[in-house]
Amino acid sequence: MPTPISLIYFKGEETTTQTAKLYWKTATEYQNDYFELARTQDLQAYEILTTIKGQENATTEQLYIFEDTFPLQGVTYYRLCQVDLDQQRVCYRPVAIAITPTKVLQVFPNPVQRSQKITLVAEDVAQIRLHDMAGNAIAIEFTPYLSNYWEAIIPDNLTVGLYVLQIWQKNDAKLEVKIRIE
């Protein structure tokens, strides 16, 4: 019985617009249902980014391309898994892509008290979000007050612990910083 796919390569690169572009090519596909792409920065907890339909049965080379338009800053590992029609999965060695931050990010104070003002310094901000470590969004409004400075009051009903502040910049780069709320 043939293997589900014959993978020629799986590779990735940082683009000039600070996204991560992933490429893979198969020589043949046999009962190939789909591909799953996931990412991690710790090689343990993978976040699934997308699934891409396979060709099921193909005897000619197939090229696949996916672009992570909101990559994590620093080194991220991308893993390609192939899932056949029987839902059997084969995962391949991850590829590492380093996204170089080009914009300054500062958050202070950190740690911060509930009901206290927090300040963010970042260039070209398009969107700011705060969420807990489980991924739940926290309602908070950051207001610009000087060039590249944003501030908000930490809600007093938040539980003490770690939170993630995500900043999307106008070039679609995504910055993240962990903050401790006490």
Protein backbone atom coordinates (compact mmCIF):
# COMPACT_ATOMS: atom_id res chain seq x y z
CA MET A 1 0.00 0.00 0.00
CA PRO A 2 1.44 3.43 -0.94
CA THR A 3 2.12 6.06 1.71
CA PRO A 4 -0.43 8.92 1.84
CA ILE A 5 1.98 11.44 0.31
CA SER A 6 5.51 11.63 -0.94
CA LEU A 7 6.75 14.97 0.45
CA ILE A 8 9.48 16.62 -1.61
CA TYR A 9 10.01 19.53 0.77
CA PHE A 10 8.48 21.66 3.51
CA LYS A 11 10.11 25.06 4.06
CA GLY A 12 9.34 28.58 5.18
CA GLU A 13 10.68 32.11 5.19
CA GLU A 14 10.06 35.58 6.57
CA THR A 15 8.70 37.91 3.88
CA THR A 16 9.60 41.56 3.38
CA THR A 17 6.29 42.50 5.01
CA GLN A 18 7.12 40.52 8.19
CA THR A 19 4.82 37.59 7.51
CA ALA A 20 5.77 33.92 7.51
CA LYS A 21 5.36 32.15 4.16
CA LEU A 22 5.28 28.33 4.12
CA TYR A 23 5.71 26.12 1.07
CA TRP A 24 5.49 22.40 0.57
CA LYS A 25 5.47 20.17 -2.46
CA THR A 26 4.32 16.60 -2.89
CA ALA A 27 5.43 14.20 -5.61
CA THR A 28 2.35 11.99 -5.21
CA GLU A 29 -0.75 11.84 -3.03
CA TYR A 30 -2.79 8.75 -2.19
CA GLN A 31 -6.03 9.07 -0.20
CA ASN A 32 -4.84 12.43 1.11
CA ASP A 33 -7.69 14.30 2.79
CA TYR A 34 -6.01 17.49 4.05
CA PHE A 35 -2.95 19.18 5.51
CA GLU A 36 -2.88 20.88 8.90
CA LEU A 37 -0.47 23.71 9.69
CA ALA A 38 0.29 24.60 13.30
CA ARG A 39 2.77 26.86 15.07
CA THR A 40 4.53 27.05 18.41
CA GLN A 41 7.36 28.91 20.07
CA ASP A 42 8.13 26.21 22.65
CA LEU A 43 7.93 23.03 20.50
CA GLN A 44 5.26 21.69 22.87
CA ALA A 45 1.94 23.52 22.65
CA TYR A 46 0.94 23.87 18.99
CA GLU A 47 -1.74 26.29 17.77
CA ILE A 48 -3.52 25.12 14.61
CA LEU A 49 -3.47 27.89 12.00
CA THR A 50 -5.32 26.31 9.11
CA THR A 51 -6.28 23.18 7.25
CA ILE A 52 -5.78 22.94 3.50
CA LYS A 53 -7.59 20.40 1.36
CA GLY A 54 -5.30 17.83 -0.27
CA GLN A 55 -5.64 16.45 -3.79
CA GLU A 56 -6.83 13.04 -2.48
CA ASN A 57 -5.14 11.11 -5.29
CA ALA A 58 -2.48 12.77 -7.44
CA THR A 59 0.38 11.37 -9.47
CA THR A 60 1.87 14.74 -10.40
CA GLU A 61 3.68 17.26 -8.20
CA GLN A 62 1.44 19.54 -6.13
CA LEU A 63 2.63 22.85 -4.65
CA TYR A 64 0.97 24.32 -1.55
CA ILE A 65 1.55 27.80 -0.10
CA PHE A 66 0.27 29.36 3.12
CA GLU A 67 1.07 32.79 4.56
CA ASP A 68 0.82 33.47 8.29
CA THR A 69 -0.18 37.14 8.15
CA PHE A 70 -0.08 37.55 11.94
CA PRO A 71 3.14 35.75 12.88
CA LEU A 72 4.55 35.75 16.37
CA GLN A 73 7.67 37.84 16.94
CA GLY A 74 10.92 35.94 17.39
CA VAL A 75 11.47 32.30 16.40
CA THR A 76 8.33 30.32 15.61
CA TYR A 77 8.22 26.65 14.66
CA TYR A 78 5.71 25.61 12.01
CA ARG A 79 4.58 21.99 11.78
CA LEU A 80 2.95 20.34 8.78
CA CYS A 81 0.71 17.33 9.36
CA GLN A 82 -0.95 15.26 6.66
CA VAL A 83 -4.29 13.57 7.37
CA ASP A 84 -5.56 10.79 5.11
CA LEU A 85 -9.16 9.81 4.34
CA ASP A 86 -9.15 7.40 7.32
CA GLN A 87 -8.08 10.33 9.56
CA GLN A 88 -4.62 8.81 10.12
CA ARG A 89 -2.11 11.59 10.73
CA VAL A 90 1.57 11.96 9.84
CA CYS A 91 3.46 15.01 11.14
CA TYR A 92 6.72 16.24 9.67
CA ARG A 93 9.73 17.91 11.23
CA PRO A 94 8.89 21.56 12.04
CA VAL A 95 10.59 24.45 10.26
CA ALA A 96 11.78 27.51 12.17
CA ILE A 97 11.10 31.04 10.98
CA ALA A 98 12.48 34.08 12.80
CA ILE A 99 10.34 37.20 12.53
CA THR A 100 12.48 40.20 13.33
CA PRO A 101 10.63 42.91 15.22
CA THR A 102 11.12 46.32 13.66
CA LYS A 103 9.00 48.41 15.98
CA VAL A 104 9.69 49.28 19.60
CA LEU A 105 7.37 47.90 22.27
CA GLN A 106 7.42 48.96 25.90
CA VAL A 107 4.77 48.38 28.54
CA PHE A 108 4.97 49.93 32.00
CA PRO A 109 4.51 49.45 34.82
CA ASN A 110 4.78 45.68 34.67
CA PRO A 111 3.58 44.24 37.01
CA VAL A 112 0.59 46.58 37.25
CA GLN A 113 -2.10 46.89 39.93
CA ARG A 114 -5.82 46.65 39.24
CA SER A 115 -7.38 50.12 38.68
CA GLN A 116 -3.91 51.45 37.82
CA LYS A 117 -2.95 53.14 34.55
CA ILE A 118 -0.77 51.11 32.17
CA THR A 119 1.22 52.72 29.35
CA LEU A 120 2.16 51.17 26.04
CA VAL A 121 4.81 52.58 23.71
CA ALA A 122 4.69 51.19 20.16
CA GLU A 123 4.93 52.52 16.62
CA ASP A 124 2.26 52.26 13.93
CA VAL A 125 -0.42 50.73 16.18
CA ALA A 126 -3.51 49.47 14.37
CA GLN A 127 -5.16 47.43 17.14
CA ILE A 128 -4.54 46.53 20.79
CA ARG A 129 -6.07 43.57 22.64
CA LEU A 130 -5.71 42.15 26.12
CA HIS A 131 -6.59 38.56 26.92
CA ASP A 132 -6.06 36.09 29.72
CA MET A 133 -3.81 33.03 29.38
CA ALA A 134 -6.81 30.94 28.24
CA GLY A 135 -7.36 33.31 25.30
CA ASN A 136 -10.45 35.08 26.66
CA ALA A 137 -10.65 38.72 25.54
CA ILE A 138 -10.65 41.38 28.25
CA ALA A 139 -12.64 44.58 27.68
CA ILE A 140 -10.15 47.43 27.93
CA GLU A 141 -9.77 50.64 25.94
CA PHE A 142 -6.36 52.06 25.12
CA THR A 143 -6.34 55.77 24.31
CA PRO A 144 -3.52 57.50 22.40
CA TYR A 145 -2.11 60.50 24.23
CA LEU A 146 1.26 61.26 22.59
CA SER A 147 2.91 60.06 19.42
CA ASN A 148 3.31 56.26 19.85
CA TYR A 149 2.01 56.33 23.47
CA TRP A 150 -1.21 54.60 24.53
CA GLU A 151 -2.73 54.27 27.99
CA ALA A 152 -5.54 52.41 29.70
CA ILE A 153 -6.85 51.72 33.18
CA ILE A 154 -6.63 48.07 34.21
CA PRO A 155 -10.14 46.90 35.18
CA ASP A 156 -10.49 46.33 38.92
CA ASN A 157 -12.46 43.10 38.45
CA LEU A 158 -9.57 41.16 36.87
CA THR A 159 -8.11 38.16 38.65
CA VAL A 160 -4.50 38.44 39.74
CA GLY A 161 -2.23 36.68 37.25
CA LEU A 162 -0.62 36.75 33.83
CA TYR A 163 -2.26 38.31 30.78
CA VAL A 164 -1.18 38.81 27.17
CA LEU A 165 -1.20 42.20 25.50
CA GLN A 166 -1.32 41.88 21.70
CA ILE A 167 -0.51 44.76 19.40
CA TRP A 168 -1.13 44.64 15.66
CA GLN A 169 0.79 47.21 13.70
CA LYS A 170 -0.23 48.87 10.45
CA ASN A 171 2.14 46.56 8.50
CA ASP A 172 0.21 43.57 9.99
CA ALA A 173 3.09 42.67 12.32
CA LYS A 174 1.89 41.29 15.64
CA LEU A 175 3.69 41.98 18.91
CA GLU A 176 2.91 40.27 22.20
CA VAL A 177 4.00 40.93 25.74
CA LYS A 178 2.96 39.23 28.96
CA ILE A 179 1.89 41.47 31.80
CA ARG A 180 1.30 40.56 35.41
CA ILE A 181 -1.73 42.04 37.12
CA GLU A 182 -1.54 42.15 40.90
